[in-house]
Amino acid sequence: MKHSTTNQRTRRGRGPARRIGRTLALVLPVVLVLSGTLAVTRVNWSGNPSNSVLTASSEDVSTRAVTRAPQDVLRDKLLLELQEKNPGVALTHLQEAVNGRPSLAKHCVSIARALGRAAVRAYGPTRAQSFARPVCDTSFASGVATTHL
């Protein structure tokens, strides 16, 4: 009995493993994209411990997301800098901020006075006055003087 080898085809690369591989290659990226998208939408990004699935579509988001005015952000940053370093550094950065953003110039006096009052609380009136310089029409010095009196 002789077996013919001319009509036999090699099945190399055409078995069930190849079909499974092709199926996974098509289905797996779709599953990963969908699961990642659903995971991102389910995460509570607002920090509020509510149970809503899509927090971004909540009606009260706009009331919670209150933006602060640039002068308030600058004032808080400079007051922190005054506590960590010294009033001279804070005054220098105030002057640089006003030079960089002229829209802050109308708030410079109030910020400098707040720095002067904070300097008196942190360093005492005599030492706080030693940091005074002509920033914002000497408002720092007037803040020191009004707190000292």
C-alpha atoms as a PDB file:
ATOM      1  CA  MET A   1       0.000   0.000   0.000  1.00  0.00           C
ATOM      2  CA  LYS A   2       1.492   3.190  -1.150  1.00  0.00           C
ATOM      3  CA  HIS A   3       0.507   6.529   0.226  1.00  0.00           C
ATOM      4  CA  SER A   4       0.321   9.432  -2.118  1.00  0.00           C
ATOM      5  CA  THR A   5       2.028  12.612  -0.945  1.00  0.00           C
ATOM      6  CA  THR A   6       1.144  14.808  -3.864  1.00  0.00           C
ATOM      7  CA  ASN A   7      -2.390  15.698  -2.787  1.00  0.00           C
ATOM      8  CA  GLN A   8      -1.631  16.341   0.850  1.00  0.00           C
ATOM      9  CA  ARG A   9      -1.319  19.943   1.935  1.00  0.00           C
ATOM     10  CA  THR A  10       0.676  20.978   4.893  1.00  0.00           C
ATOM     11  CA  ARG A  11      -1.451  22.404   7.649  1.00  0.00           C
ATOM     12  CA  ARG A  12       1.328  24.398   9.141  1.00  0.00           C
ATOM     13  CA  GLY A  13      -0.020  27.775  10.372  1.00  0.00           C
ATOM     14  CA  ARG A  14      -3.676  27.009   9.658  1.00  0.00           C
ATOM     15  CA  GLY A  15      -4.745  25.204  12.796  1.00  0.00           C
ATOM     16  CA  PRO A  16      -7.100  26.248  15.591  1.00  0.00           C
ATOM     17  CA  ALA A  17      -4.365  28.268  17.308  1.00  0.00           C
ATOM     18  CA  ARG A  18      -4.152  30.577  14.310  1.00  0.00           C
ATOM     19  CA  ARG A  19      -7.926  31.109  14.314  1.00  0.00           C
ATOM     20  CA  ILE A  20      -7.927  31.853  18.039  1.00  0.00           C
ATOM     21  CA  GLY A  21      -5.020  34.263  17.586  1.00  0.00           C
ATOM     22  CA  ARG A  22      -6.806  36.151  14.822  1.00  0.00           C
ATOM     23  CA  THR A  23      -9.992  36.348  16.869  1.00  0.00           C
ATOM     24  CA  LEU A  24      -8.118  37.702  19.887  1.00  0.00           C
ATOM     25  CA  ALA A  25      -6.254  40.183  17.713  1.00  0.00           C
ATOM     26  CA  LEU A  26      -9.569  41.631  16.570  1.00  0.00           C
ATOM     27  CA  VAL A  27     -11.585  41.426  19.786  1.00  0.00           C
ATOM     28  CA  LEU A  28      -9.018  42.229  22.479  1.00  0.00           C
ATOM     29  CA  PRO A  29      -8.303  45.875  21.482  1.00  0.00           C
ATOM     30  CA  VAL A  30     -12.028  46.622  21.361  1.00  0.00           C
ATOM     31  CA  VAL A  31     -12.569  45.110  24.816  1.00  0.00           C
ATOM     32  CA  LEU A  32      -9.607  46.993  26.293  1.00  0.00           C
ATOM     33  CA  VAL A  33     -10.717  50.348  24.885  1.00  0.00           C
ATOM     34  CA  LEU A  34     -14.268  49.913  26.105  1.00  0.00           C
ATOM     35  CA  SER A  35     -13.246  48.753  29.576  1.00  0.00           C
ATOM     36  CA  GLY A  36     -10.770  51.627  29.918  1.00  0.00           C
ATOM     37  CA  THR A  37     -13.375  54.164  28.841  1.00  0.00           C
ATOM     38  CA  LEU A  38     -15.913  52.795  31.277  1.00  0.00           C
ATOM     39  CA  ALA A  39     -13.359  52.764  34.093  1.00  0.00           C
ATOM     40  CA  VAL A  40     -12.500  56.433  33.521  1.00  0.00           C
ATOM     41  CA  THR A  41     -16.155  57.478  33.518  1.00  0.00           C
ATOM     42  CA  ARG A  42     -16.825  55.597  36.745  1.00  0.00           C
ATOM     43  CA  VAL A  43     -13.966  57.171  38.727  1.00  0.00           C
ATOM     44  CA  ASN A  44     -15.082  59.985  41.001  1.00  0.00           C
ATOM     45  CA  TRP A  45     -12.689  62.733  39.847  1.00  0.00           C
ATOM     46  CA  SER A  46     -14.377  65.518  41.840  1.00  0.00           C
ATOM     47  CA  GLY A  47     -13.310  64.267  45.253  1.00  0.00           C
ATOM     48  CA  ASN A  48     -16.924  64.469  46.445  1.00  0.00           C
ATOM     49  CA  PRO A  49     -17.973  61.121  47.944  1.00  0.00           C
ATOM     50  CA  SER A  50     -21.267  61.019  46.060  1.00  0.00           C
ATOM     51  CA  ASN A  51     -22.504  57.831  44.426  1.00  0.00           C
ATOM     52  CA  SER A  52     -23.163  59.274  40.996  1.00  0.00           C
ATOM     53  CA  VAL A  53     -21.593  57.387  38.128  1.00  0.00           C
ATOM     54  CA  LEU A  54     -20.953  60.413  35.944  1.00  0.00           C
ATOM     55  CA  THR A  55     -19.981  63.211  38.311  1.00  0.00           C
ATOM     56  CA  ALA A  56     -19.231  65.616  35.457  1.00  0.00           C
ATOM     57  CA  SER A  57     -22.889  65.658  34.446  1.00  0.00           C
ATOM     58  CA  SER A  58     -24.056  66.671  37.886  1.00  0.00           C
ATOM     59  CA  GLU A  59     -25.919  69.976  38.185  1.00  0.00           C
ATOM     60  CA  ASP A  60     -24.016  71.217  41.240  1.00  0.00           C
ATOM     61  CA  VAL A  61     -20.563  70.975  39.648  1.00  0.00           C
ATOM     62  CA  SER A  62     -20.512  74.640  38.695  1.00  0.00           C
ATOM     63  CA  THR A  63     -21.291  75.716  42.256  1.00  0.00           C
ATOM     64  CA  ARG A  64     -18.487  73.597  43.689  1.00  0.00           C
ATOM     65  CA  ALA A  65     -15.865  74.634  41.159  1.00  0.00           C
ATOM     66  CA  VAL A  66     -15.224  78.159  42.377  1.00  0.00           C
ATOM     67  CA  THR A  67     -12.200  79.777  40.822  1.00  0.00           C
ATOM     68  CA  ARG A  68     -10.219  82.194  42.909  1.00  0.00           C
ATOM     69  CA  ALA A  69      -9.186  85.596  41.698  1.00  0.00           C
ATOM     70  CA  PRO A  70      -5.516  85.937  40.669  1.00  0.00           C
ATOM     71  CA  GLN A  71      -4.859  88.557  43.341  1.00  0.00           C
ATOM     72  CA  ASP A  72      -6.169  86.222  46.065  1.00  0.00           C
ATOM     73  CA  VAL A  73      -3.963  83.400  44.830  1.00  0.00           C
ATOM     74  CA  LEU A  74      -0.964  85.741  44.747  1.00  0.00           C
ATOM     75  CA  ARG A  75      -1.727  87.114  48.232  1.00  0.00           C
ATOM     76  CA  ASP A  76      -1.921  83.627  49.738  1.00  0.00           C
ATOM     77  CA  LYS A  77       1.258  82.532  47.962  1.00  0.00           C
ATOM     78  CA  LEU A  78       3.166  85.595  49.173  1.00  0.00           C
ATOM     79  CA  LEU A  79       1.887  85.277  52.750  1.00  0.00           C
ATOM     80  CA  LEU A  80       3.089  81.681  52.797  1.00  0.00           C
ATOM     81  CA  GLU A  81       6.421  82.771  51.356  1.00  0.00           C
ATOM     82  CA  LEU A  82       6.704  85.446  54.053  1.00  0.00           C
ATOM     83  CA  GLN A  83       6.274  82.777  56.731  1.00  0.00           C
ATOM     84  CA  GLU A  84       8.695  80.325  55.112  1.00  0.00           C
ATOM     85  CA  LYS A  85      11.432  82.758  54.043  1.00  0.00           C
ATOM     86  CA  ASN A  86      11.205  86.468  54.882  1.00  0.00           C
ATOM     87  CA  PRO A  87       9.232  89.574  53.916  1.00  0.00           C
ATOM     88  CA  GLY A  88      11.986  90.803  51.587  1.00  0.00           C
ATOM     89  CA  VAL A  89      11.605  87.770  49.328  1.00  0.00           C
ATOM     90  CA  ALA A  90       7.810  88.140  49.339  1.00  0.00           C
ATOM     91  CA  LEU A  91       8.069  91.844  48.413  1.00  0.00           C
ATOM     92  CA  THR A  92      10.474  91.058  45.585  1.00  0.00           C
ATOM     93  CA  HIS A  93       8.085  88.460  44.188  1.00  0.00           C
ATOM     94  CA  LEU A  94       5.170  90.878  44.551  1.00  0.00           C
ATOM     95  CA  GLN A  95       7.021  93.452  42.466  1.00  0.00           C
ATOM     96  CA  GLU A  96       7.912  90.821  39.858  1.00  0.00           C
ATOM     97  CA  ALA A  97       4.286  89.642  39.700  1.00  0.00           C
ATOM     98  CA  VAL A  98       2.988  93.189  39.204  1.00  0.00           C
ATOM     99  CA  ASN A  99       5.598  93.844  36.515  1.00  0.00           C
ATOM    100  CA  GLY A 100       4.706  90.582  34.786  1.00  0.00           C
ATOM    101  CA  ARG A 101       0.924  91.056  35.014  1.00  0.00           C
ATOM    102  CA  PRO A 102      -0.022  94.747  35.031  1.00  0.00           C
ATOM    103  CA  SER A 103      -3.637  93.816  35.816  1.00  0.00           C
ATOM    104  CA  LEU A 104      -2.465  93.039  39.367  1.00  0.00           C
ATOM    105  CA  ALA A 105      -1.273  96.631  39.904  1.00  0.00           C
ATOM    106  CA  LYS A 106      -4.639  97.792  41.258  1.00  0.00           C
ATOM    107  CA  HIS A 107      -4.394  95.102  43.971  1.00  0.00           C
ATOM    108  CA  CYS A 108      -0.755  95.745  44.820  1.00  0.00           C
ATOM    109  CA  VAL A 109      -1.504  98.160  47.675  1.00  0.00           C
ATOM    110  CA  SER A 110      -3.852  95.784  49.487  1.00  0.00           C
ATOM    111  CA  ILE A 111      -1.477  92.840  49.045  1.00  0.00           C
ATOM    112  CA  ALA A 112       1.520  94.867  50.301  1.00  0.00           C
ATOM    113  CA  ARG A 113      -0.459  96.038  53.355  1.00  0.00           C
ATOM    114  CA  ALA A 114      -1.459  92.451  54.121  1.00  0.00           C
ATOM    115  CA  LEU A 115       2.209  91.472  53.876  1.00  0.00           C
ATOM    116  CA  GLY A 116       3.116  94.301  56.257  1.00  0.00           C
ATOM    117  CA  ARG A 117       0.530  93.189  58.828  1.00  0.00           C
ATOM    118  CA  ALA A 118       1.690  89.573  58.555  1.00  0.00           C
ATOM    119  CA  ALA A 119       5.323  90.642  58.927  1.00  0.00           C
ATOM    120  CA  VAL A 120       4.517  92.435  62.184  1.00  0.00           C
ATOM    121  CA  ARG A 121       2.805  89.311  63.523  1.00  0.00           C
ATOM    122  CA  ALA A 122       5.720  87.095  62.478  1.00  0.00           C
ATOM    123  CA  TYR A 123       8.754  89.314  63.181  1.00  0.00           C
ATOM    124  CA  GLY A 124       7.599  92.144  65.423  1.00  0.00           C
ATOM    125  CA  PRO A 125       7.274  95.817  64.401  1.00  0.00           C
ATOM    126  CA  THR A 126      10.945  96.804  64.427  1.00  0.00           C
ATOM    127  CA  ARG A 127      12.246  93.868  62.432  1.00  0.00           C
ATOM    128  CA  ALA A 128       9.261  93.994  60.048  1.00  0.00           C
ATOM    129  CA  GLN A 129       9.966  97.662  59.305  1.00  0.00           C
ATOM    130  CA  SER A 130      13.552  96.783  58.373  1.00  0.00           C
ATOM    131  CA  PHE A 131      12.234  94.823  55.360  1.00  0.00           C
ATOM    132  CA  ALA A 132      10.276  97.830  54.010  1.00  0.00           C
ATOM    133  CA  ARG A 133      11.089  99.061  50.515  1.00  0.00           C
ATOM    134  CA  PRO A 134       9.244 101.197  47.971  1.00  0.00           C
ATOM    135  CA  VAL A 135       7.008  98.488  46.529  1.00  0.00           C
ATOM    136  CA  CYS A 136       3.481  99.636  45.661  1.00  0.00           C
ATOM    137  CA  ASP A 137       3.881 103.162  47.062  1.00  0.00           C
ATOM    138  CA  THR A 138       5.352 101.958  50.372  1.00  0.00           C
ATOM    139  CA  SER A 139       2.144 100.149  51.294  1.00  0.00           C
ATOM    140  CA  PHE A 140       4.138  97.486  53.119  1.00  0.00           C
ATOM    141  CA  ALA A 141       5.447 100.149  55.486  1.00  0.00           C
ATOM    142  CA  SER A 142       1.953 101.536  56.060  1.00  0.00           C
ATOM    143  CA  GLY A 143       0.709  98.002  56.831  1.00  0.00           C
ATOM    144  CA  VAL A 144       3.484  97.662  59.409  1.00  0.00           C
ATOM    145  CA  ALA A 145       2.678 101.084  60.876  1.00  0.00           C
ATOM    146  CA  THR A 146      -1.084 100.521  61.167  1.00  0.00           C
ATOM    147  CA  THR A 147      -0.584  97.156  62.865  1.00  0.00           C
ATOM    148  CA  HIS A 148       2.001  98.553  65.258  1.00  0.00           C
ATOM    149  CA  LEU A 149      -0.161 101.471  66.385  1.00  0.00           C
END
